[in-house]
Amino acid sequence: MNSQKEKQLLQEKTDLCQELTSFLNLIRGSLVKGEKKCGRKGCKCEKGQLHPHVVISIFRKGKTHIVYVPKSSMEKAAAAVSAYNQVINIIEHISSINVELFKAQKL
């Protein structure tokens, strides 16, 4: 590996690490849309018109946890899940850079 390539990789790694600091609100999970009955007498859902709802499904320590997402928080929830996925992609990219540097004995 030439020094120009090494400098490029190190700069890219530095930029990616700085980008990571911009992700403050992130959630590891999946947004799941579904429908449910509310249980109120005379509600339209008794006749089959179920109520739409959204949850975040989170798998931790061998268990799935469900967090209800109010309509007013949908955008925030989607952004937090998306941010987590972006962070994972950045970490994978940093790791691949480190592998290249390691193979060249520069790490």
Protein backbone atom coordinates (compact mmCIF):
# COMPACT_ATOMS: atom_id res chain seq x y z
CA MET A 1 0.00 0.00 0.00
CA ASN A 2 1.44 3.35 -1.00
CA SER A 3 1.45 6.32 1.35
CA GLN A 4 -1.18 8.19 -0.70
CA LYS A 5 -3.63 5.27 -0.36
CA GLU A 6 -2.87 5.02 3.37
CA LYS A 7 -3.50 8.77 3.85
CA GLN A 8 -6.75 8.49 1.93
CA LEU A 9 -7.97 5.57 4.06
CA LEU A 10 -6.97 7.29 7.30
CA GLN A 11 -8.76 10.49 6.27
CA GLU A 12 -11.86 8.54 5.28
CA LYS A 13 -11.80 6.74 8.63
CA THR A 14 -11.44 10.04 10.49
CA ASP A 15 -14.36 11.54 8.55
CA LEU A 16 -16.54 8.52 9.28
CA CYS A 17 -15.71 8.64 13.00
CA GLN A 18 -16.65 12.33 13.09
CA GLU A 19 -19.91 11.54 11.31
CA LEU A 20 -20.77 9.04 14.05
CA THR A 21 -20.90 11.86 16.59
CA SER A 22 -23.90 13.38 14.81
CA PHE A 23 -26.15 10.43 15.68
CA LEU A 24 -27.60 11.09 19.11
CA ASN A 25 -31.11 9.65 18.85
CA LEU A 26 -31.01 6.09 17.64
CA ILE A 27 -32.96 2.94 18.39
CA ARG A 28 -32.01 -0.62 17.55
CA GLY A 29 -35.28 -2.16 16.42
CA SER A 30 -37.81 -2.40 13.64
CA LEU A 31 -40.94 -0.39 12.96
CA VAL A 32 -43.89 -2.76 12.65
CA LYS A 33 -47.28 -1.68 11.35
CA GLY A 34 -50.35 -3.64 12.32
CA GLU A 35 -54.03 -3.51 13.12
CA LYS A 36 -55.88 -4.23 16.35
CA LYS A 37 -59.21 -4.17 18.14
CA CYS A 38 -59.63 -1.57 20.86
CA GLY A 39 -62.28 -3.42 22.86
CA ARG A 40 -64.76 -0.53 23.11
CA LYS A 41 -68.40 -1.54 22.76
CA GLY A 42 -69.96 -0.44 19.48
CA CYS A 43 -66.63 0.52 17.89
CA LYS A 44 -66.15 -0.09 14.18
CA CYS A 45 -63.40 -2.59 14.99
CA GLU A 46 -66.02 -4.99 16.34
CA LYS A 47 -67.28 -5.22 12.75
CA GLY A 48 -63.83 -5.83 11.29
CA GLN A 49 -62.54 -2.31 10.64
CA LEU A 50 -59.44 -2.63 12.80
CA HIS A 51 -57.41 0.31 14.08
CA PRO A 52 -53.97 0.80 12.52
CA HIS A 53 -51.05 1.03 14.95
CA VAL A 54 -47.28 1.11 14.87
CA VAL A 55 -44.79 -0.37 17.33
CA ILE A 56 -41.04 -0.68 17.56
CA SER A 57 -40.02 -4.30 17.93
CA ILE A 58 -36.80 -4.63 19.91
CA PHE A 59 -34.97 -7.92 20.46
CA ARG A 60 -32.79 -7.89 23.59
CA LYS A 61 -31.34 -10.67 25.73
CA GLY A 62 -33.30 -13.36 23.92
CA LYS A 63 -36.65 -11.59 24.24
CA THR A 64 -38.73 -9.41 21.95
CA HIS A 65 -39.97 -6.17 23.47
CA ILE A 66 -42.66 -4.02 21.91
CA VAL A 67 -42.85 -0.25 22.32
CA TYR A 68 -46.02 1.49 21.15
CA VAL A 69 -45.46 4.48 18.84
CA PRO A 70 -48.07 7.25 19.06
CA LYS A 71 -49.05 8.85 15.73
CA SER A 72 -47.43 12.09 16.86
CA SER A 73 -44.07 10.32 17.28
CA MET A 74 -44.02 8.29 14.06
CA GLU A 75 -41.44 10.46 12.30
CA LYS A 76 -39.15 10.52 15.34
CA ALA A 77 -39.36 6.75 15.73
CA ALA A 78 -38.65 6.13 12.05
CA ALA A 79 -35.71 8.55 12.15
CA ALA A 80 -34.25 6.86 15.26
CA VAL A 81 -34.47 3.39 13.70
CA SER A 82 -32.97 4.72 10.47
CA ALA A 83 -30.16 6.43 12.39
CA TYR A 84 -29.22 3.15 14.07
CA ASN A 85 -28.99 1.45 10.68
CA GLN A 86 -26.84 4.30 9.33
CA VAL A 87 -24.49 3.96 12.32
CA ILE A 88 -24.14 0.22 11.68
CA ASN A 89 -23.26 0.91 8.03
CA ILE A 90 -20.64 3.46 9.06
CA ILE A 91 -19.11 1.04 11.57
CA GLU A 92 -18.96 -1.67 8.90
CA HIS A 93 -17.21 0.79 6.57
CA ILE A 94 -14.67 1.73 9.26
CA SER A 95 -14.07 -1.96 9.90
CA SER A 96 -13.37 -2.62 6.22
CA ILE A 97 -10.90 0.27 6.17
CA ASN A 98 -9.20 -1.17 9.26
CA VAL A 99 -8.94 -4.57 7.56
CA GLU A 100 -7.16 -2.97 4.59
CA LEU A 101 -4.80 -1.10 6.92
CA PHE A 102 -4.20 -4.22 8.98
CA LYS A 103 -3.36 -6.30 5.88
CA ALA A 104 -0.87 -3.61 4.91
CA GLN A 105 0.51 -3.67 8.46
CA LYS A 106 -0.47 -0.04 8.95
CA LEU A 107 -2.87 -0.65 11.84
